[in-house]
Amino acid sequence: MALLRTKDIAKMTQTERETKLKDLVLELVRAKVTANKSNAKTKEIKRAISRLMTFNKSAQEALNKK
């Protein structure tokens, strides 16, 4: 799992962000099943999910303001 940065998220289209979000959620479920719950991998996946969700929310608010 590569580190997901904000500048990489900004380059993605809306559909790419949605598919990446779905993939990360599935990966988080798999990581929770195979490892203990306080694993560093699960922590990074959670951070990437929150980055994507935050970016999606701010992009949606910007569209609503226009």
C-alpha atoms as a PDB file:
ATOM      1  CA  MET A   1       0.000   0.000   0.000  1.00  0.00           C
ATOM      2  CA  ALA A   2       1.525   3.232  -1.156  1.00  0.00           C
ATOM      3  CA  LEU A   3       1.212   6.389   0.857  1.00  0.00           C
ATOM      4  CA  LEU A   4      -1.655   8.527  -0.421  1.00  0.00           C
ATOM      5  CA  ARG A   5      -0.844  12.223  -0.404  1.00  0.00           C
ATOM      6  CA  THR A   6      -3.152  15.200  -0.861  1.00  0.00           C
ATOM      7  CA  LYS A   7      -1.485  16.316  -4.099  1.00  0.00           C
ATOM      8  CA  ASP A   8      -2.051  12.830  -5.540  1.00  0.00           C
ATOM      9  CA  ILE A   9      -5.706  12.965  -4.515  1.00  0.00           C
ATOM     10  CA  ALA A  10      -6.108  16.371  -6.171  1.00  0.00           C
ATOM     11  CA  LYS A  11      -4.898  14.916  -9.482  1.00  0.00           C
ATOM     12  CA  MET A  12      -7.553  12.169  -9.398  1.00  0.00           C
ATOM     13  CA  THR A  13     -10.970  12.446 -10.972  1.00  0.00           C
ATOM     14  CA  GLN A  14     -14.119  11.984  -8.908  1.00  0.00           C
ATOM     15  CA  THR A  15     -14.649   8.415 -10.129  1.00  0.00           C
ATOM     16  CA  GLU A  16     -11.030   7.503  -9.402  1.00  0.00           C
ATOM     17  CA  ARG A  17     -11.388   8.846  -5.854  1.00  0.00           C
ATOM     18  CA  GLU A  18     -14.563   6.826  -5.326  1.00  0.00           C
ATOM     19  CA  THR A  19     -12.990   3.594  -6.563  1.00  0.00           C
ATOM     20  CA  LYS A  20      -9.861   4.215  -4.488  1.00  0.00           C
ATOM     21  CA  LEU A  21     -12.045   4.785  -1.430  1.00  0.00           C
ATOM     22  CA  LYS A  22     -13.873   1.486  -1.998  1.00  0.00           C
ATOM     23  CA  ASP A  23     -10.563  -0.333  -2.481  1.00  0.00           C
ATOM     24  CA  LEU A  24      -9.145   1.126   0.727  1.00  0.00           C
ATOM     25  CA  VAL A  25     -12.215   0.128   2.742  1.00  0.00           C
ATOM     26  CA  LEU A  26     -11.906  -3.443   1.482  1.00  0.00           C
ATOM     27  CA  GLU A  27      -8.192  -3.445   2.239  1.00  0.00           C
ATOM     28  CA  LEU A  28      -8.914  -2.199   5.758  1.00  0.00           C
ATOM     29  CA  VAL A  29     -11.337  -5.061   6.339  1.00  0.00           C
ATOM     30  CA  ARG A  30      -8.773  -7.566   5.099  1.00  0.00           C
ATOM     31  CA  ALA A  31      -6.046  -6.045   7.273  1.00  0.00           C
ATOM     32  CA  LYS A  32      -8.257  -6.180  10.360  1.00  0.00           C
ATOM     33  CA  VAL A  33      -9.001  -9.854   9.765  1.00  0.00           C
ATOM     34  CA  THR A  34      -5.394 -10.888   9.278  1.00  0.00           C
ATOM     35  CA  ALA A  35      -3.663  -8.750  11.917  1.00  0.00           C
ATOM     36  CA  ASN A  36      -4.276  -7.252  15.294  1.00  0.00           C
ATOM     37  CA  LYS A  37      -6.370  -4.088  15.385  1.00  0.00           C
ATOM     38  CA  SER A  38      -3.612  -1.632  16.287  1.00  0.00           C
ATOM     39  CA  ASN A  39      -1.424  -2.486  13.324  1.00  0.00           C
ATOM     40  CA  ALA A  40       0.497   0.338  11.609  1.00  0.00           C
ATOM     41  CA  LYS A  41      -0.940  -0.737   8.260  1.00  0.00           C
ATOM     42  CA  THR A  42      -4.520  -0.296   9.441  1.00  0.00           C
ATOM     43  CA  LYS A  43      -3.642   3.108  10.851  1.00  0.00           C
ATOM     44  CA  GLU A  44      -2.251   4.281   7.500  1.00  0.00           C
ATOM     45  CA  ILE A  45      -5.263   2.910   5.620  1.00  0.00           C
ATOM     46  CA  LYS A  46      -7.595   4.784   7.978  1.00  0.00           C
ATOM     47  CA  ARG A  47      -5.659   7.993   7.378  1.00  0.00           C
ATOM     48  CA  ALA A  48      -5.849   7.562   3.611  1.00  0.00           C
ATOM     49  CA  ILE A  49      -9.600   6.946   3.827  1.00  0.00           C
ATOM     50  CA  SER A  50     -10.087  10.072   5.909  1.00  0.00           C
ATOM     51  CA  ARG A  51      -7.989  12.126   3.468  1.00  0.00           C
ATOM     52  CA  LEU A  52     -10.133  10.953   0.569  1.00  0.00           C
ATOM     53  CA  MET A  53     -13.373  11.628   2.406  1.00  0.00           C
ATOM     54  CA  THR A  54     -12.229  15.084   3.484  1.00  0.00           C
ATOM     55  CA  PHE A  55     -11.144  15.982  -0.036  1.00  0.00           C
ATOM     56  CA  ASN A  56     -14.444  14.726  -1.473  1.00  0.00           C
ATOM     57  CA  LYS A  57     -16.417  16.765   1.049  1.00  0.00           C
ATOM     58  CA  SER A  58     -14.478  19.965   0.376  1.00  0.00           C
ATOM     59  CA  ALA A  59     -14.776  19.482  -3.387  1.00  0.00           C
ATOM     60  CA  GLN A  60     -18.534  18.954  -3.039  1.00  0.00           C
ATOM     61  CA  GLU A  61     -18.888  22.106  -0.926  1.00  0.00           C
ATOM     62  CA  ALA A  62     -16.923  24.101  -3.507  1.00  0.00           C
ATOM     63  CA  LEU A  63     -19.292  22.914  -6.235  1.00  0.00           C
ATOM     64  CA  ASN A  64     -22.330  23.824  -4.148  1.00  0.00           C
ATOM     65  CA  LYS A  65     -21.044  27.373  -3.569  1.00  0.00           C
ATOM     66  CA  LYS A  66     -20.742  28.087  -7.305  1.00  0.00           C
END
